[in-house]
Amino acid sequence: MTDHAVRLYALALSLLVLFVSWAAVDARPWAQSATPDPRLAAIAEREQRLRHESVVVKAEVARRWEAYRVALVRRQRDRAALASRPVQPAVRVVTLPPLTVTRSS
């Protein structure tokens, strides 16, 4: 193939074949009103269930976090009230019996 015109025609024909086959594959003539895959329906149902569960879990976490914050504020307030009170030292007077040391040699 030394003729350049033949090479150009071959290139043009190969590009034409490429694009026509691409269009034929993209059209999917074999997929004529096929029944939907039950696995896809199950996946979609599971996705909806997980979305609902995630909303419920997020609400529960928010509720628990709010309860924790309320308890934390209460604890900090109680701790501050205890710290502001004067501390009375606990003094105990203890009388011990006399200490006797006996050595035997």
PDB file of N, CA and C in Angstrom:
ATOM      1  N   MET A   1       0.839  -1.176   0.000  1.00  0.00           N
ATOM      2  CA  MET A   1       0.000   0.000   0.000  1.00  0.00           C
ATOM      3  C   MET A   1       0.885   1.240   0.000  1.00  0.00           C
ATOM      4  N   THR A   2       1.327   1.589  -1.122  1.00  0.00           N
ATOM      5  CA  THR A   2       2.159   2.776  -1.215  1.00  0.00           C
ATOM      6  C   THR A   2       1.355   3.981  -1.644  1.00  0.00           C
ATOM      7  N   ASP A   3       0.134   3.775  -2.072  1.00  0.00           N
ATOM      8  CA  ASP A   3      -0.705   4.885  -2.535  1.00  0.00           C
ATOM      9  C   ASP A   3      -1.339   5.561  -1.314  1.00  0.00           C
ATOM     10  N   HIS A   4      -1.156   6.845  -1.195  1.00  0.00           N
ATOM     11  CA  HIS A   4      -1.669   7.592  -0.046  1.00  0.00           C
ATOM     12  C   HIS A   4      -3.185   7.694  -0.065  1.00  0.00           C
ATOM     13  N   ALA A   5      -3.776   7.737  -1.214  1.00  0.00           N
ATOM     14  CA  ALA A   5      -5.234   7.828  -1.304  1.00  0.00           C
ATOM     15  C   ALA A   5      -5.876   6.568  -0.754  1.00  0.00           C
ATOM     16  N   VAL A   6      -5.273   5.438  -1.026  1.00  0.00           N
ATOM     17  CA  VAL A   6      -5.828   4.171  -0.510  1.00  0.00           C
ATOM     18  C   VAL A   6      -5.703   4.151   1.009  1.00  0.00           C
ATOM     19  N   ARG A   7      -4.621   4.637   1.518  1.00  0.00           N
ATOM     20  CA  ARG A   7      -4.447   4.687   2.969  1.00  0.00           C
ATOM     21  C   ARG A   7      -5.493   5.600   3.609  1.00  0.00           C
ATOM     22  N   LEU A   8      -5.756   6.734   2.991  1.00  0.00           N
ATOM     23  CA  LEU A   8      -6.764   7.644   3.528  1.00  0.00           C
ATOM     24  C   LEU A   8      -8.154   7.023   3.490  1.00  0.00           C
ATOM     25  N   TYR A   9      -8.474   6.332   2.358  1.00  0.00           N
ATOM     26  CA  TYR A   9      -9.771   5.658   2.273  1.00  0.00           C
ATOM     27  C   TYR A   9      -9.872   4.552   3.331  1.00  0.00           C
ATOM     28  N   ALA A  10      -8.812   3.820   3.552  1.00  0.00           N
ATOM     29  CA  ALA A  10      -8.824   2.754   4.562  1.00  0.00           C
ATOM     30  C   ALA A  10      -9.018   3.349   5.961  1.00  0.00           C
ATOM     31  N   LEU A  11      -8.331   4.466   6.228  1.00  0.00           N
ATOM     32  CA  LEU A  11      -8.491   5.133   7.524  1.00  0.00           C
ATOM     33  C   LEU A  11      -9.914   5.656   7.696  1.00  0.00           C
ATOM     34  N   ALA A  12     -10.478   6.272   6.677  1.00  0.00           N
ATOM     35  CA  ALA A  12     -11.839   6.798   6.742  1.00  0.00           C
ATOM     36  C   ALA A  12     -12.841   5.666   6.932  1.00  0.00           C
ATOM     37  N   LEU A  13     -12.641   4.563   6.209  1.00  0.00           N
ATOM     38  CA  LEU A  13     -13.542   3.416   6.330  1.00  0.00           C
ATOM     39  C   LEU A  13     -13.453   2.807   7.730  1.00  0.00           C
ATOM     40  N   SER A  14     -12.239   2.695   8.280  1.00  0.00           N
ATOM     41  CA  SER A  14     -12.094   2.113   9.621  1.00  0.00           C
ATOM     42  C   SER A  14     -12.737   3.026  10.670  1.00  0.00           C
ATOM     43  N   LEU A  15     -12.596   4.339  10.527  1.00  0.00           N
ATOM     44  CA  LEU A  15     -13.271   5.257  11.451  1.00  0.00           C
ATOM     45  C   LEU A  15     -14.786   5.152  11.323  1.00  0.00           C
ATOM     46  N   LEU A  16     -15.281   5.020  10.092  1.00  0.00           N
ATOM     47  CA  LEU A  16     -16.717   4.867   9.874  1.00  0.00           C
ATOM     48  C   LEU A  16     -17.224   3.591  10.533  1.00  0.00           C
ATOM     49  N   VAL A  17     -16.497   2.505  10.361  1.00  0.00           N
ATOM     50  CA  VAL A  17     -16.881   1.233  10.983  1.00  0.00           C
ATOM     51  C   VAL A  17     -16.849   1.363  12.499  1.00  0.00           C
ATOM     52  N   LEU A  18     -15.835   2.040  13.043  1.00  0.00           N
ATOM     53  CA  LEU A  18     -15.744   2.232  14.483  1.00  0.00           C
ATOM     54  C   LEU A  18     -16.964   2.988  15.018  1.00  0.00           C
ATOM     55  N   PHE A  19     -17.302   4.102  14.397  1.00  0.00           N
ATOM     56  CA  PHE A  19     -18.415   4.907  14.916  1.00  0.00           C
ATOM     57  C   PHE A  19     -19.768   4.239  14.705  1.00  0.00           C
ATOM     58  N   VAL A  20     -19.940   3.533  13.608  1.00  0.00           N
ATOM     59  CA  VAL A  20     -21.212   2.820  13.388  1.00  0.00           C
ATOM     60  C   VAL A  20     -21.365   1.692  14.396  1.00  0.00           C
ATOM     61  N   SER A  21     -20.292   0.948  14.647  1.00  0.00           N
ATOM     62  CA  SER A  21     -20.382  -0.135  15.644  1.00  0.00           C
ATOM     63  C   SER A  21     -20.584   0.451  17.047  1.00  0.00           C
ATOM     64  N   TRP A  22     -19.951   1.583  17.323  1.00  0.00           N
ATOM     65  CA  TRP A  22     -20.146   2.246  18.610  1.00  0.00           C
ATOM     66  C   TRP A  22     -21.609   2.643  18.791  1.00  0.00           C
ATOM     67  N   ALA A  23     -22.216   3.203  17.755  1.00  0.00           N
ATOM     68  CA  ALA A  23     -23.625   3.601  17.814  1.00  0.00           C
ATOM     69  C   ALA A  23     -24.528   2.381  17.973  1.00  0.00           C
ATOM     70  N   ALA A  24     -24.186   1.285  17.303  1.00  0.00           N
ATOM     71  CA  ALA A  24     -25.006   0.074  17.408  1.00  0.00           C
ATOM     72  C   ALA A  24     -24.934  -0.507  18.818  1.00  0.00           C
ATOM     73  N   VAL A  25     -23.752  -0.511  19.412  1.00  0.00           N
ATOM     74  CA  VAL A  25     -23.617  -1.033  20.771  1.00  0.00           C
ATOM     75  C   VAL A  25     -24.304  -0.101  21.759  1.00  0.00           C
ATOM     76  N   ASP A  26     -24.210   1.204  21.546  1.00  0.00           N
ATOM     77  CA  ASP A  26     -24.842   2.160  22.442  1.00  0.00           C
ATOM     78  C   ASP A  26     -26.367   2.081  22.381  1.00  0.00           C
ATOM     79  N   ALA A  27     -26.915   1.695  21.244  1.00  0.00           N
ATOM     80  CA  ALA A  27     -28.370   1.595  21.102  1.00  0.00           C
ATOM     81  C   ALA A  27     -28.934   0.402  21.852  1.00  0.00           C
ATOM     82  N   ARG A  28     -28.136  -0.592  22.132  1.00  0.00           N
ATOM     83  CA  ARG A  28     -28.532  -1.822  22.827  1.00  0.00           C
ATOM     84  C   ARG A  28     -29.782  -2.454  22.209  1.00  0.00           C
ATOM     85  N   PRO A  29     -29.706  -2.931  21.015  1.00  0.00           N
ATOM     86  CA  PRO A  29     -30.889  -3.532  20.414  1.00  0.00           C
ATOM     87  C   PRO A  29     -31.306  -4.839  21.084  1.00  0.00           C
ATOM     88  N   TRP A  30     -30.423  -5.469  21.843  1.00  0.00           N
ATOM     89  CA  TRP A  30     -30.745  -6.741  22.486  1.00  0.00           C
ATOM     90  C   TRP A  30     -31.535  -6.556  23.777  1.00  0.00           C
ATOM     91  N   ALA A  31     -31.586  -5.364  24.336  1.00  0.00           N
ATOM     92  CA  ALA A  31     -32.282  -5.116  25.592  1.00  0.00           C
ATOM     93  C   ALA A  31     -33.684  -4.599  25.307  1.00  0.00           C
ATOM     94  N   GLN A  32     -34.543  -5.469  24.836  1.00  0.00           N
ATOM     95  CA  GLN A  32     -35.901  -5.068  24.478  1.00  0.00           C
ATOM     96  C   GLN A  32     -36.845  -5.435  25.616  1.00  0.00           C
ATOM     97  N   SER A  33     -37.289  -4.458  26.327  1.00  0.00           N
ATOM     98  CA  SER A  33     -38.251  -4.594  27.431  1.00  0.00           C
ATOM     99  C   SER A  33     -37.926  -5.776  28.332  1.00  0.00           C
ATOM    100  N   ALA A  34     -36.708  -5.851  28.760  1.00  0.00           N
ATOM    101  CA  ALA A  34     -36.300  -6.919  29.669  1.00  0.00           C
ATOM    102  C   ALA A  34     -36.888  -6.644  31.051  1.00  0.00           C
ATOM    103  N   THR A  35     -37.194  -7.692  31.780  1.00  0.00           N
ATOM    104  CA  THR A  35     -37.729  -7.531  33.130  1.00  0.00           C
ATOM    105  C   THR A  35     -36.604  -7.030  34.033  1.00  0.00           C
ATOM    106  N   PRO A  36     -36.928  -6.152  34.948  1.00  0.00           N
ATOM    107  CA  PRO A  36     -35.882  -5.629  35.831  1.00  0.00           C
ATOM    108  C   PRO A  36     -35.310  -6.741  36.713  1.00  0.00           C
ATOM    109  N   ASP A  37     -34.067  -6.610  37.012  1.00  0.00           N
ATOM    110  CA  ASP A  37     -33.379  -7.613  37.818  1.00  0.00           C
ATOM    111  C   ASP A  37     -33.872  -7.520  39.264  1.00  0.00           C
ATOM    112  N   PRO A  38     -34.313  -8.626  39.855  1.00  0.00           N
ATOM    113  CA  PRO A  38     -34.800  -8.560  41.237  1.00  0.00           C
ATOM    114  C   PRO A  38     -33.695  -8.187  42.223  1.00  0.00           C
ATOM    115  N   ARG A  39     -32.454  -8.454  41.865  1.00  0.00           N
ATOM    116  CA  ARG A  39     -31.357  -8.076  42.755  1.00  0.00           C
ATOM    117  C   ARG A  39     -31.234  -6.559  42.847  1.00  0.00           C
ATOM    118  N   LEU A  40     -31.473  -5.880  41.713  1.00  0.00           N
ATOM    119  CA  LEU A  40     -31.427  -4.419  41.739  1.00  0.00           C
ATOM    120  C   LEU A  40     -32.551  -3.845  42.600  1.00  0.00           C
ATOM    121  N   ALA A  41     -33.718  -4.473  42.516  1.00  0.00           N
ATOM    122  CA  ALA A  41     -34.841  -4.023  43.348  1.00  0.00           C
ATOM    123  C   ALA A  41     -34.524  -4.244  44.827  1.00  0.00           C
ATOM    124  N   ALA A  42     -33.881  -5.373  45.150  1.00  0.00           N
ATOM    125  CA  ALA A  42     -33.519  -5.655  46.539  1.00  0.00           C
ATOM    126  C   ALA A  42     -32.478  -4.654  47.034  1.00  0.00           C
ATOM    127  N   ILE A  43     -31.548  -4.297  46.171  1.00  0.00           N
ATOM    128  CA  ILE A  43     -30.523  -3.324  46.551  1.00  0.00           C
ATOM    129  C   ILE A  43     -31.155  -1.960  46.803  1.00  0.00           C
ATOM    130  N   ALA A  44     -32.088  -1.569  45.943  1.00  0.00           N
ATOM    131  CA  ALA A  44     -32.760  -0.277  46.123  1.00  0.00           C
ATOM    132  C   ALA A  44     -33.570  -0.265  47.426  1.00  0.00           C
ATOM    133  N   GLU A  45     -34.236  -1.383  47.721  1.00  0.00           N
ATOM    134  CA  GLU A  45     -35.010  -1.472  48.959  1.00  0.00           C
ATOM    135  C   GLU A  45     -34.093  -1.400  50.178  1.00  0.00           C
ATOM    136  N   ARG A  46     -32.963  -2.093  50.108  1.00  0.00           N
ATOM    137  CA  ARG A  46     -32.005  -2.068  51.216  1.00  0.00           C
ATOM    138  C   ARG A  46     -31.428  -0.661  51.392  1.00  0.00           C
ATOM    139  N   GLU A  47     -31.175   0.016  50.306  1.00  0.00           N
ATOM    140  CA  GLU A  47     -30.661   1.383  50.381  1.00  0.00           C
ATOM    141  C   GLU A  47     -31.663   2.295  51.095  1.00  0.00           C
ATOM    142  N   GLN A  48     -32.936   2.161  50.758  1.00  0.00           N
ATOM    143  CA  GLN A  48     -33.959   2.971  51.419  1.00  0.00           C
ATOM    144  C   GLN A  48     -34.024   2.661  52.912  1.00  0.00           C
ATOM    145  N   ARG A  49     -33.932   1.362  53.245  1.00  0.00           N
ATOM    146  CA  ARG A  49     -33.981   0.964  54.653  1.00  0.00           C
ATOM    147  C   ARG A  49     -32.772   1.531  55.412  1.00  0.00           C
ATOM    148  N   LEU A  50     -31.597   1.478  54.795  1.00  0.00           N
ATOM    149  CA  LEU A  50     -30.400   2.006  55.447  1.00  0.00           C
ATOM    150  C   LEU A  50     -30.469   3.521  55.607  1.00  0.00           C
ATOM    151  N   ARG A  51     -31.038   4.196  54.613  1.00  0.00           N
ATOM    152  CA  ARG A  51     -31.198   5.645  54.743  1.00  0.00           C
ATOM    153  C   ARG A  51     -32.105   5.985  55.927  1.00  0.00           C
ATOM    154  N   HIS A  52     -33.203   5.232  56.046  1.00  0.00           N
ATOM    155  CA  HIS A  52     -34.127   5.463  57.160  1.00  0.00           C
ATOM    156  C   HIS A  52     -33.434   5.181  58.494  1.00  0.00           C
ATOM    157  N   GLU A  53     -32.700   4.068  58.565  1.00  0.00           N
ATOM    158  CA  GLU A  53     -31.991   3.730  59.799  1.00  0.00           C
ATOM    159  C   GLU A  53     -30.953   4.789  60.153  1.00  0.00           C
ATOM    160  N   SER A  54     -30.288   5.324  59.153  1.00  0.00           N
ATOM    161  CA  SER A  54     -29.279   6.348  59.439  1.00  0.00           C
ATOM    162  C   SER A  54     -29.930   7.603  60.004  1.00  0.00           C
ATOM    163  N   VAL A  55     -31.107   7.954  59.512  1.00  0.00           N
ATOM    164  CA  VAL A  55     -31.819   9.123  60.057  1.00  0.00           C
ATOM    165  C   VAL A  55     -32.209   8.858  61.511  1.00  0.00           C
ATOM    166  N   VAL A  56     -32.692   7.647  61.791  1.00  0.00           N
ATOM    167  CA  VAL A  56     -33.087   7.303  63.156  1.00  0.00           C
ATOM    168  C   VAL A  56     -31.871   7.328  64.084  1.00  0.00           C
ATOM    169  N   VAL A  57     -30.756   6.767  63.607  1.00  0.00           N
ATOM    170  CA  VAL A  57     -29.544   6.736  64.436  1.00  0.00           C
ATOM    171  C   VAL A  57     -29.023   8.142  64.682  1.00  0.00           C
ATOM    172  N   LYS A  58     -29.051   8.992  63.663  1.00  0.00           N
ATOM    173  CA  LYS A  58     -28.589  10.365  63.849  1.00  0.00           C
ATOM    174  C   LYS A  58     -29.448  11.091  64.879  1.00  0.00           C
ATOM    175  N   ALA A  59     -30.754  10.860  64.852  1.00  0.00           N
ATOM    176  CA  ALA A  59     -31.641  11.499  65.828  1.00  0.00           C
ATOM    177  C   ALA A  59     -31.340  10.987  67.240  1.00  0.00           C
ATOM    178  N   GLU A  60     -31.088   9.690  67.366  1.00  0.00           N
ATOM    179  CA  GLU A  60     -30.777   9.111  68.682  1.00  0.00           C
ATOM    180  C   GLU A  60     -29.448   9.655  69.213  1.00  0.00           C
ATOM    181  N   VAL A  61     -28.457   9.756  68.348  1.00  0.00           N
ATOM    182  CA  VAL A  61     -27.157  10.293  68.761  1.00  0.00           C
ATOM    183  C   VAL A  61     -27.310  11.755  69.185  1.00  0.00           C
ATOM    184  N   ALA A  62     -28.082  12.512  68.444  1.00  0.00           N
ATOM    185  CA  ALA A  62     -28.300  13.919  68.816  1.00  0.00           C
ATOM    186  C   ALA A  62     -29.000  14.023  70.170  1.00  0.00           C
ATOM    187  N   ARG A  63     -29.976  13.145  70.413  1.00  0.00           N
ATOM    188  CA  ARG A  63     -30.692  13.158  71.694  1.00  0.00           C
ATOM    189  C   ARG A  63     -29.742  12.814  72.843  1.00  0.00           C
ATOM    190  N   ARG A  64     -28.928  11.775  72.657  1.00  0.00           N
ATOM    191  CA  ARG A  64     -27.987  11.385  73.706  1.00  0.00           C
ATOM    192  C   ARG A  64     -26.929  12.461  73.937  1.00  0.00           C
ATOM    193  N   TRP A  65     -26.470  13.082  72.866  1.00  0.00           N
ATOM    194  CA  TRP A  65     -25.463  14.125  72.995  1.00  0.00           C
ATOM    195  C   TRP A  65     -26.032  15.312  73.777  1.00  0.00           C
ATOM    196  N   GLU A  66     -27.285  15.653  73.522  1.00  0.00           N
ATOM    197  CA  GLU A  66     -27.923  16.757  74.250  1.00  0.00           C
ATOM    198  C   GLU A  66     -28.055  16.403  75.726  1.00  0.00           C
ATOM    199  N   ALA A  67     -28.440  15.171  76.032  1.00  0.00           N
ATOM    200  CA  ALA A  67     -28.536  14.744  77.427  1.00  0.00           C
ATOM    201  C   ALA A  67     -27.167  14.778  78.094  1.00  0.00           C
ATOM    202  N   TYR A  68     -26.141  14.381  77.372  1.00  0.00           N
ATOM    203  CA  TYR A  68     -24.786  14.431  77.920  1.00  0.00           C
ATOM    204  C   TYR A  68     -24.369  15.874  78.215  1.00  0.00           C
ATOM    205  N   ARG A  69     -24.657  16.776  77.297  1.00  0.00           N
ATOM    206  CA  ARG A  69     -24.279  18.176  77.511  1.00  0.00           C
ATOM    207  C   ARG A  69     -25.010  18.767  78.714  1.00  0.00           C
ATOM    208  N   VAL A  70     -26.290  18.432  78.876  1.00  0.00           N
ATOM    209  CA  VAL A  70     -27.052  18.929  80.030  1.00  0.00           C
ATOM    210  C   VAL A  70     -26.441  18.384  81.318  1.00  0.00           C
ATOM    211  N   ALA A  71     -26.109  17.085  81.331  1.00  0.00           N
ATOM    212  CA  ALA A  71     -25.509  16.491  82.527  1.00  0.00           C
ATOM    213  C   ALA A  71     -24.129  17.081  82.793  1.00  0.00           C
ATOM    214  N   LEU A  72     -23.374  17.366  81.738  1.00  0.00           N
ATOM    215  CA  LEU A  72     -22.048  17.962  81.905  1.00  0.00           C
ATOM    216  C   LEU A  72     -22.147  19.355  82.519  1.00  0.00           C
ATOM    217  N   VAL A  73     -23.082  20.159  82.048  1.00  0.00           N
ATOM    218  CA  VAL A  73     -23.270  21.505  82.611  1.00  0.00           C
ATOM    219  C   VAL A  73     -23.674  21.397  84.078  1.00  0.00           C
ATOM    220  N   ARG A  74     -24.563  20.459  84.389  1.00  0.00           N
ATOM    221  CA  ARG A  74     -24.996  20.272  85.769  1.00  0.00           C
ATOM    222  C   ARG A  74     -23.815  19.847  86.647  1.00  0.00           C
ATOM    223  N   ARG A  75     -22.990  18.922  86.151  1.00  0.00           N
ATOM    224  CA  ARG A  75     -21.825  18.461  86.897  1.00  0.00           C
ATOM    225  C   ARG A  75     -20.822  19.597  87.123  1.00  0.00           C
ATOM    226  N   GLN A  76     -20.601  20.389  86.083  1.00  0.00           N
ATOM    227  CA  GLN A  76     -19.667  21.508  86.226  1.00  0.00           C
ATOM    228  C   GLN A  76     -20.192  22.545  87.209  1.00  0.00           C
ATOM    229  N   ARG A  77     -21.495  22.783  87.179  1.00  0.00           N
ATOM    230  CA  ARG A  77     -22.094  23.739  88.111  1.00  0.00           C
ATOM    231  C   ARG A  77     -21.962  23.229  89.546  1.00  0.00           C
ATOM    232  N   ASP A  78     -22.226  21.923  89.755  1.00  0.00           N
ATOM    233  CA  ASP A  78     -22.094  21.350  91.097  1.00  0.00           C
ATOM    234  C   ASP A  78     -20.643  21.389  91.565  1.00  0.00           C
ATOM    235  N   ARG A  79     -19.717  21.094  90.675  1.00  0.00           N
ATOM    236  CA  ARG A  79     -18.304  21.108  91.028  1.00  0.00           C
ATOM    237  C   ARG A  79     -17.865  22.530  91.382  1.00  0.00           C
ATOM    238  N   ALA A  80     -18.340  23.530  90.647  1.00  0.00           N
ATOM    239  CA  ALA A  80     -17.999  24.923  90.944  1.00  0.00           C
ATOM    240  C   ALA A  80     -18.588  25.341  92.290  1.00  0.00           C
ATOM    241  N   ALA A  81     -19.801  24.861  92.593  1.00  0.00           N
ATOM    242  CA  ALA A  81     -20.417  25.193  93.874  1.00  0.00           C
ATOM    243  C   ALA A  81     -19.631  24.557  95.013  1.00  0.00           C
ATOM    244  N   LEU A  82     -19.148  23.349  94.835  1.00  0.00           N
ATOM    245  CA  LEU A  82     -18.349  22.705  95.870  1.00  0.00           C
ATOM    246  C   LEU A  82     -17.009  23.399  96.035  1.00  0.00           C
ATOM    247  N   ALA A  83     -16.431  23.851  94.947  1.00  0.00           N
ATOM    248  CA  ALA A  83     -15.126  24.505  95.017  1.00  0.00           C
ATOM    249  C   ALA A  83     -15.229  25.877  95.676  1.00  0.00           C
ATOM    250  N   SER A  84     -16.366  26.531  95.582  1.00  0.00           N
ATOM    251  CA  SER A  84     -16.506  27.872  96.156  1.00  0.00           C
ATOM    252  C   SER A  84     -16.766  27.832  97.662  1.00  0.00           C
ATOM    253  N   ARG A  85     -17.202  26.697  98.190  1.00  0.00           N
ATOM    254  CA  ARG A  85     -17.437  26.590  99.631  1.00  0.00           C
ATOM    255  C   ARG A  85     -16.111  26.493 100.368  1.00  0.00           C
ATOM    256  N   PRO A  86     -16.032  27.122 101.545  1.00  0.00           N
ATOM    257  CA  PRO A  86     -14.793  26.977 102.320  1.00  0.00           C
ATOM    258  C   PRO A  86     -14.683  25.553 102.852  1.00  0.00           C
ATOM    259  N   VAL A  87     -13.504  25.036 102.768  1.00  0.00           N
ATOM    260  CA  VAL A  87     -13.289  23.653 103.196  1.00  0.00           C
ATOM    261  C   VAL A  87     -12.923  23.650 104.666  1.00  0.00           C
ATOM    262  N   GLN A  88     -13.663  22.910 105.446  1.00  0.00           N
ATOM    263  CA  GLN A  88     -13.378  22.763 106.863  1.00  0.00           C
ATOM    264  C   GLN A  88     -12.471  21.552 107.027  1.00  0.00           C
ATOM    265  N   PRO A  89     -11.264  21.765 107.548  1.00  0.00           N
ATOM    266  CA  PRO A  89     -10.386  20.604 107.704  1.00  0.00           C
ATOM    267  C   PRO A  89     -10.942  19.674 108.766  1.00  0.00           C
ATOM    268  N   ALA A  90     -10.846  18.435 108.503  1.00  0.00           N
ATOM    269  CA  ALA A  90     -11.327  17.439 109.451  1.00  0.00           C
ATOM    270  C   ALA A  90     -10.187  17.136 110.432  1.00  0.00           C
ATOM    271  N   VAL A  91     -10.324  17.611 111.659  1.00  0.00           N
ATOM    272  CA  VAL A  91      -9.292  17.405 112.661  1.00  0.00           C
ATOM    273  C   VAL A  91      -9.789  16.355 113.625  1.00  0.00           C
ATOM    274  N   ARG A  92      -8.928  15.365 113.850  1.00  0.00           N
ATOM    275  CA  ARG A  92      -9.271  14.324 114.808  1.00  0.00           C
ATOM    276  C   ARG A  92      -8.152  14.229 115.843  1.00  0.00           C
ATOM    277  N   VAL A  93      -8.551  14.139 117.070  1.00  0.00           N
ATOM    278  CA  VAL A  93      -7.582  13.945 118.138  1.00  0.00           C
ATOM    279  C   VAL A  93      -7.578  12.465 118.458  1.00  0.00           C
ATOM    280  N   VAL A  94      -6.411  11.878 118.343  1.00  0.00           N
ATOM    281  CA  VAL A  94      -6.308  10.440 118.556  1.00  0.00           C
ATOM    282  C   VAL A  94      -5.342  10.212 119.715  1.00  0.00           C
ATOM    283  N   THR A  95      -5.755   9.441 120.680  1.00  0.00           N
ATOM    284  CA  THR A  95      -4.854   9.066 121.773  1.00  0.00           C
ATOM    285  C   THR A  95      -4.490   7.609 121.563  1.00  0.00           C
ATOM    286  N   LEU A  96      -3.184   7.390 121.446  1.00  0.00           N
ATOM    287  CA  LEU A  96      -2.706   6.040 121.228  1.00  0.00           C
ATOM    288  C   LEU A  96      -2.109   5.502 122.520  1.00  0.00           C
ATOM    289  N   PRO A  97      -2.118   4.227 122.697  1.00  0.00           N
ATOM    290  CA  PRO A  97      -1.467   3.671 123.896  1.00  0.00           C
ATOM    291  C   PRO A  97       0.058   3.863 123.797  1.00  0.00           C
ATOM    292  N   PRO A  98       0.722   3.890 124.901  1.00  0.00           N
ATOM    293  CA  PRO A  98       2.166   4.089 124.851  1.00  0.00           C
ATOM    294  C   PRO A  98       2.845   2.937 124.094  1.00  0.00           C
ATOM    295  N   LEU A  99       3.876   3.315 123.404  1.00  0.00           N
ATOM    296  CA  LEU A  99       4.602   2.352 122.605  1.00  0.00           C
ATOM    297  C   LEU A  99       5.684   1.731 123.455  1.00  0.00           C
ATOM    298  N   THR A 100       5.660   0.432 123.554  1.00  0.00           N
ATOM    299  CA  THR A 100       6.677  -0.259 124.341  1.00  0.00           C
ATOM    300  C   THR A 100       7.460  -1.160 123.411  1.00  0.00           C
ATOM    301  N   VAL A 101       8.766  -1.067 123.533  1.00  0.00           N
ATOM    302  CA  VAL A 101       9.630  -1.875 122.705  1.00  0.00           C
ATOM    303  C   VAL A 101      10.354  -2.839 123.630  1.00  0.00           C
ATOM    304  N   THR A 102      10.234  -4.070 123.360  1.00  0.00           N
ATOM    305  CA  THR A 102      10.950  -5.070 124.152  1.00  0.00           C
ATOM    306  C   THR A 102      11.910  -5.789 123.235  1.00  0.00           C
ATOM    307  N   ARG A 103      13.134  -5.907 123.764  1.00  0.00           N
ATOM    308  CA  ARG A 103      14.130  -6.604 122.966  1.00  0.00           C
ATOM    309  C   ARG A 103      14.596  -7.820 123.776  1.00  0.00           C
ATOM    310  N   SER A 104      14.644  -8.859 123.098  1.00  0.00           N
ATOM    311  CA  SER A 104      15.169 -10.050 123.771  1.00  0.00           C
ATOM    312  C   SER A 104      16.412 -10.489 123.029  1.00  0.00           C
ATOM    313  N   SER A 105      17.460 -10.724 123.764  1.00  0.00           N
ATOM    314  CA  SER A 105      18.679 -11.114 123.080  1.00  0.00           C
ATOM    315  C   SER A 105      19.186 -12.429 123.580  1.00  0.00           C
TER     316      SER A 105
END
